[in-house]
């Protein structure tokens, strides 16, 4: 339930134009000063996982692993294929997505 709710917040962010999609864009956003949480698919490669983890640690950004794969993340972000990571650039929506995932893990 929490994963579905988190993915729906990502879909809302896409419709609102508040979504950064893809590892290169997410990492570039962090380099330019974005400090919004990064949501990663659970089935990304070890190299991508390390890249995101290292960048998030360096810039002090929270990295959240979704209990959903890259294909589900692509569908919710309006893309086709596979999306490894997204960042929701609206504070309310990103916090709601994180809260939904945390509520599932309680």
N, C-alpha and C. Protein backbone atom coordinates (compact mmCIF):
# COMPACT_ATOMS: atom_id res chain seq x y z
N UNK A 1 0.82 -1.20 0.00
CA UNK A 1 0.00 0.00 0.00
C UNK A 1 0.86 1.26 0.00
N UNK A 2 1.91 1.29 0.82
CA UNK A 2 2.77 2.46 0.90
C UNK A 2 3.53 2.71 -0.39
N UNK A 3 3.96 1.62 -1.03
CA UNK A 3 4.69 1.75 -2.29
C UNK A 3 3.79 2.32 -3.37
N UNK A 4 2.56 1.83 -3.43
CA UNK A 4 1.61 2.34 -4.42
C UNK A 4 1.33 3.82 -4.18
N UNK A 5 1.17 4.19 -2.92
CA UNK A 5 0.91 5.59 -2.58
C UNK A 5 2.12 6.46 -2.95
N UNK A 6 3.33 5.98 -2.66
CA UNK A 6 4.54 6.74 -3.00
C UNK A 6 4.64 6.92 -4.52
N UNK A 7 4.35 5.86 -5.27
CA UNK A 7 4.39 5.96 -6.72
C UNK A 7 3.31 6.92 -7.24
N UNK A 8 2.17 6.97 -6.58
CA UNK A 8 1.14 7.90 -7.01
C UNK A 8 1.58 9.35 -6.78
N UNK A 9 2.31 9.60 -5.69
CA UNK A 9 2.85 10.95 -5.47
C UNK A 9 3.86 11.31 -6.55
N UNK A 10 4.62 10.33 -7.00
CA UNK A 10 5.58 10.57 -8.09
C UNK A 10 4.81 10.91 -9.37
N UNK A 11 3.71 10.21 -9.62
CA UNK A 11 2.87 10.50 -10.79
C UNK A 11 2.28 11.90 -10.72
N UNK A 12 1.85 12.31 -9.54
CA UNK A 12 1.30 13.67 -9.35
C UNK A 12 2.39 14.70 -9.62
N UNK A 13 3.61 14.42 -9.13
CA UNK A 13 4.72 15.35 -9.36
C UNK A 13 5.01 15.48 -10.85
N UNK A 14 4.91 14.38 -11.59
CA UNK A 14 5.11 14.42 -13.05
C UNK A 14 4.09 15.35 -13.69
N UNK A 15 2.83 15.18 -13.32
CA UNK A 15 1.77 16.01 -13.89
C UNK A 15 1.96 17.48 -13.53
N UNK A 16 2.53 17.75 -12.36
CA UNK A 16 2.75 19.12 -11.91
C UNK A 16 4.05 19.71 -12.46
N UNK A 17 4.83 18.91 -13.18
CA UNK A 17 6.10 19.40 -13.71
C UNK A 17 7.18 19.52 -12.65
N UNK A 18 7.07 18.71 -11.60
CA UNK A 18 8.01 18.77 -10.47
C UNK A 18 8.78 17.46 -10.31
N UNK A 19 9.17 16.86 -11.45
CA UNK A 19 9.87 15.58 -11.40
C UNK A 19 11.11 15.62 -12.28
N UNK A 20 12.23 15.23 -11.72
CA UNK A 20 13.48 15.06 -12.46
C UNK A 20 13.65 13.56 -12.66
N UNK A 21 13.82 13.13 -13.90
CA UNK A 21 13.83 11.71 -14.23
C UNK A 21 15.17 11.27 -14.79
N UNK A 22 15.67 10.15 -14.29
CA UNK A 22 16.90 9.56 -14.81
C UNK A 22 18.12 9.90 -13.97
N UNK A 23 19.02 8.96 -13.87
CA UNK A 23 20.22 9.13 -13.05
C UNK A 23 21.06 10.33 -13.45
N UNK A 24 21.36 10.55 -14.74
CA UNK A 24 22.18 11.72 -15.09
C UNK A 24 21.53 13.04 -14.69
N UNK A 25 20.22 13.15 -14.90
CA UNK A 25 19.52 14.39 -14.55
C UNK A 25 19.44 14.59 -13.05
N UNK A 26 19.21 13.51 -12.32
CA UNK A 26 19.13 13.60 -10.86
C UNK A 26 20.49 14.01 -10.28
N UNK A 27 21.56 13.38 -10.77
CA UNK A 27 22.91 13.72 -10.30
C UNK A 27 23.28 15.15 -10.68
N UNK A 28 22.90 15.57 -11.88
CA UNK A 28 23.14 16.94 -12.30
C UNK A 28 22.40 17.94 -11.44
N UNK A 29 21.19 17.60 -11.05
CA UNK A 29 20.41 18.47 -10.17
C UNK A 29 21.08 18.64 -8.81
N UNK A 30 21.63 17.56 -8.28
CA UNK A 30 22.33 17.65 -7.01
C UNK A 30 23.55 18.55 -7.14
N UNK A 31 24.24 18.43 -8.25
CA UNK A 31 25.44 19.26 -8.48
C UNK A 31 25.07 20.74 -8.54
N UNK A 32 23.87 21.02 -9.07
CA UNK A 32 23.40 22.41 -9.18
C UNK A 32 22.72 22.91 -7.91
N UNK A 33 22.61 22.07 -6.87
CA UNK A 33 22.10 22.53 -5.59
C UNK A 33 20.78 21.94 -5.14
N UNK A 34 20.19 21.06 -5.92
CA UNK A 34 18.93 20.43 -5.51
C UNK A 34 19.19 19.50 -4.33
N UNK A 35 18.39 19.62 -3.29
CA UNK A 35 18.57 18.79 -2.11
C UNK A 35 17.31 17.97 -1.79
N UNK A 36 16.49 17.72 -2.81
CA UNK A 36 15.29 16.91 -2.63
C UNK A 36 15.66 15.44 -2.61
N UNK A 37 14.89 14.61 -1.89
CA UNK A 37 15.20 13.18 -1.85
C UNK A 37 15.22 12.54 -3.23
N UNK A 38 16.07 11.55 -3.37
CA UNK A 38 16.19 10.78 -4.60
C UNK A 38 15.53 9.42 -4.36
N UNK A 39 14.63 9.05 -5.27
CA UNK A 39 13.93 7.77 -5.19
C UNK A 39 14.52 6.85 -6.26
N UNK A 40 15.07 5.71 -5.82
CA UNK A 40 15.71 4.77 -6.73
C UNK A 40 14.88 3.49 -6.82
N UNK A 41 14.85 2.91 -8.00
CA UNK A 41 14.17 1.62 -8.20
C UNK A 41 14.95 0.54 -7.46
N UNK A 42 14.26 -0.51 -7.07
CA UNK A 42 14.91 -1.58 -6.30
C UNK A 42 15.78 -2.49 -7.16
N UNK A 43 15.61 -2.44 -8.47
CA UNK A 43 16.34 -3.37 -9.34
C UNK A 43 17.38 -2.69 -10.23
N UNK A 44 17.99 -1.63 -9.72
CA UNK A 44 19.03 -0.95 -10.48
C UNK A 44 20.34 -1.72 -10.37
N UNK A 45 21.24 -1.46 -11.29
CA UNK A 45 22.53 -2.16 -11.30
C UNK A 45 23.39 -1.70 -10.12
N UNK A 46 24.38 -2.50 -9.79
CA UNK A 46 25.28 -2.15 -8.68
C UNK A 46 26.03 -0.85 -8.98
N UNK A 47 26.41 -0.65 -10.24
CA UNK A 47 27.11 0.58 -10.62
C UNK A 47 26.25 1.82 -10.42
N UNK A 48 25.00 1.73 -10.84
CA UNK A 48 24.08 2.86 -10.66
C UNK A 48 23.79 3.08 -9.19
N UNK A 49 23.64 2.00 -8.45
CA UNK A 49 23.39 2.10 -7.01
C UNK A 49 24.55 2.83 -6.33
N UNK A 50 25.78 2.46 -6.70
CA UNK A 50 26.96 3.10 -6.11
C UNK A 50 27.05 4.57 -6.52
N UNK A 51 26.77 4.86 -7.77
CA UNK A 51 26.82 6.25 -8.24
C UNK A 51 25.83 7.12 -7.46
N UNK A 52 24.60 6.63 -7.33
CA UNK A 52 23.59 7.39 -6.60
C UNK A 52 23.94 7.52 -5.12
N UNK A 53 24.38 6.43 -4.54
CA UNK A 53 24.73 6.43 -3.12
C UNK A 53 25.87 7.41 -2.84
N UNK A 54 26.90 7.35 -3.67
CA UNK A 54 28.05 8.24 -3.48
C UNK A 54 27.65 9.70 -3.65
N UNK A 55 26.89 10.00 -4.70
CA UNK A 55 26.47 11.39 -4.94
C UNK A 55 25.58 11.91 -3.82
N UNK A 56 24.63 11.08 -3.40
CA UNK A 56 23.72 11.51 -2.33
C UNK A 56 24.49 11.75 -1.03
N UNK A 57 25.44 10.88 -0.72
CA UNK A 57 26.25 11.06 0.49
C UNK A 57 27.08 12.33 0.40
N UNK A 58 27.68 12.58 -0.76
CA UNK A 58 28.53 13.75 -0.94
C UNK A 58 27.73 15.06 -0.79
N UNK A 59 26.55 15.10 -1.38
CA UNK A 59 25.74 16.32 -1.36
C UNK A 59 24.75 16.37 -0.19
N UNK A 60 24.71 15.35 0.63
CA UNK A 60 23.82 15.35 1.78
C UNK A 60 22.35 15.21 1.42
N UNK A 61 22.08 14.40 0.40
CA UNK A 61 20.72 14.18 -0.08
C UNK A 61 20.26 12.79 0.35
N UNK A 62 19.01 12.71 0.75
CA UNK A 62 18.45 11.42 1.18
C UNK A 62 18.19 10.52 -0.04
N UNK A 63 18.65 9.28 0.04
CA UNK A 63 18.41 8.29 -1.01
C UNK A 63 17.41 7.27 -0.47
N UNK A 64 16.30 7.13 -1.18
CA UNK A 64 15.23 6.22 -0.78
C UNK A 64 15.09 5.15 -1.86
N UNK A 65 15.20 3.89 -1.46
CA UNK A 65 15.00 2.80 -2.41
C UNK A 65 13.53 2.40 -2.39
N UNK A 66 12.91 2.47 -3.54
CA UNK A 66 11.50 2.11 -3.66
C UNK A 66 11.35 0.59 -3.73
N UNK A 67 10.27 0.05 -3.17
CA UNK A 67 10.02 -1.38 -3.34
C UNK A 67 9.32 -1.65 -4.68
N UNK A 68 9.77 -0.97 -5.70
CA UNK A 68 9.22 -1.10 -7.06
C UNK A 68 10.38 -1.05 -8.04
N UNK A 69 10.20 -1.72 -9.16
CA UNK A 69 11.24 -1.78 -10.17
C UNK A 69 11.28 -0.57 -11.08
N UNK A 70 12.28 -0.57 -11.94
CA UNK A 70 12.48 0.54 -12.86
C UNK A 70 11.38 0.69 -13.89
N UNK A 71 10.72 -0.40 -14.26
CA UNK A 71 9.63 -0.31 -15.23
C UNK A 71 8.41 0.36 -14.60
N UNK A 72 8.12 0.04 -13.34
CA UNK A 72 7.00 0.71 -12.64
C UNK A 72 7.31 2.18 -12.44
N UNK A 73 8.55 2.48 -12.12
CA UNK A 73 8.95 3.88 -11.94
C UNK A 73 8.85 4.64 -13.25
N UNK A 74 9.18 3.99 -14.35
CA UNK A 74 9.06 4.61 -15.68
C UNK A 74 7.60 4.93 -15.99
N UNK A 75 6.71 3.98 -15.71
CA UNK A 75 5.28 4.22 -15.97
C UNK A 75 4.75 5.40 -15.17
N UNK A 76 5.12 5.47 -13.90
CA UNK A 76 4.62 6.56 -13.05
C UNK A 76 5.23 7.91 -13.42
N UNK A 77 6.41 7.88 -14.02
CA UNK A 77 7.05 9.14 -14.40
C UNK A 77 6.77 9.52 -15.86
N UNK A 78 5.89 8.76 -16.51
CA UNK A 78 5.49 9.11 -17.87
C UNK A 78 6.49 8.72 -18.94
N UNK A 79 7.37 7.80 -18.64
CA UNK A 79 8.39 7.34 -19.59
C UNK A 79 8.11 5.90 -20.00
N UNK A 80 8.83 5.44 -20.99
CA UNK A 80 8.75 4.04 -21.38
C UNK A 80 10.09 3.38 -21.05
N UNK A 81 10.08 2.09 -20.90
CA UNK A 81 11.31 1.38 -20.63
C UNK A 81 11.62 1.30 -19.15
N UNK A 82 12.81 1.76 -18.78
CA UNK A 82 13.33 1.60 -17.42
C UNK A 82 13.84 2.94 -16.92
N UNK A 83 13.44 3.33 -15.72
CA UNK A 83 13.94 4.54 -15.07
C UNK A 83 14.56 4.12 -13.75
N UNK A 84 15.83 4.42 -13.55
CA UNK A 84 16.54 4.00 -12.34
C UNK A 84 16.25 4.90 -11.15
N UNK A 85 16.12 6.22 -11.39
CA UNK A 85 15.96 7.14 -10.27
C UNK A 85 15.19 8.39 -10.70
N UNK A 86 14.49 8.96 -9.72
CA UNK A 86 13.78 10.22 -9.92
C UNK A 86 13.97 11.07 -8.67
N UNK A 87 13.71 12.36 -8.83
CA UNK A 87 13.70 13.28 -7.70
C UNK A 87 12.46 14.15 -7.83
N UNK A 88 11.68 14.21 -6.78
CA UNK A 88 10.47 15.04 -6.74
C UNK A 88 10.89 16.40 -6.20
N UNK A 89 10.74 17.44 -7.01
CA UNK A 89 11.23 18.76 -6.65
C UNK A 89 10.17 19.64 -6.01
N UNK A 90 9.21 19.02 -5.37
CA UNK A 90 8.22 19.73 -4.57
C UNK A 90 8.34 19.18 -3.16
N UNK A 91 8.59 20.06 -2.20
CA UNK A 91 8.85 19.61 -0.83
C UNK A 91 7.68 18.81 -0.26
N UNK A 92 6.47 19.26 -0.48
CA UNK A 92 5.31 18.56 0.06
C UNK A 92 5.12 17.18 -0.53
N UNK A 93 5.24 17.08 -1.85
CA UNK A 93 5.06 15.78 -2.51
C UNK A 93 6.19 14.81 -2.18
N UNK A 94 7.43 15.31 -2.13
CA UNK A 94 8.54 14.41 -1.82
C UNK A 94 8.43 13.90 -0.38
N UNK A 95 8.04 14.77 0.54
CA UNK A 95 7.89 14.34 1.93
C UNK A 95 6.72 13.38 2.09
N UNK A 96 5.65 13.59 1.32
CA UNK A 96 4.51 12.68 1.37
C UNK A 96 4.90 11.30 0.86
N UNK A 97 5.70 11.24 -0.19
CA UNK A 97 6.15 9.96 -0.73
C UNK A 97 7.05 9.23 0.27
N UNK A 98 7.95 9.96 0.90
CA UNK A 98 8.83 9.36 1.91
C UNK A 98 8.00 8.85 3.09
N UNK A 99 7.05 9.65 3.53
CA UNK A 99 6.19 9.26 4.65
C UNK A 99 5.38 8.01 4.34
N UNK A 100 4.88 7.92 3.11
CA UNK A 100 4.10 6.75 2.71
C UNK A 100 4.96 5.49 2.78
N UNK A 101 6.21 5.59 2.36
CA UNK A 101 7.10 4.44 2.41
C UNK A 101 7.48 4.08 3.84
N UNK A 102 7.69 5.09 4.69
CA UNK A 102 8.03 4.84 6.07
C UNK A 102 6.87 4.22 6.82
N UNK A 103 5.64 4.63 6.49
CA UNK A 103 4.46 4.07 7.15
C UNK A 103 4.31 2.59 6.82
N UNK A 104 4.73 2.20 5.63
CA UNK A 104 4.66 0.81 5.23
C UNK A 104 5.66 -0.04 6.02
N UNK A 105 6.79 0.56 6.37
CA UNK A 105 7.85 -0.19 7.07
C UNK A 105 7.67 -0.24 8.57
N UNK A 106 6.67 0.43 9.10
CA UNK A 106 6.46 0.46 10.57
C UNK A 106 5.85 -0.82 11.04
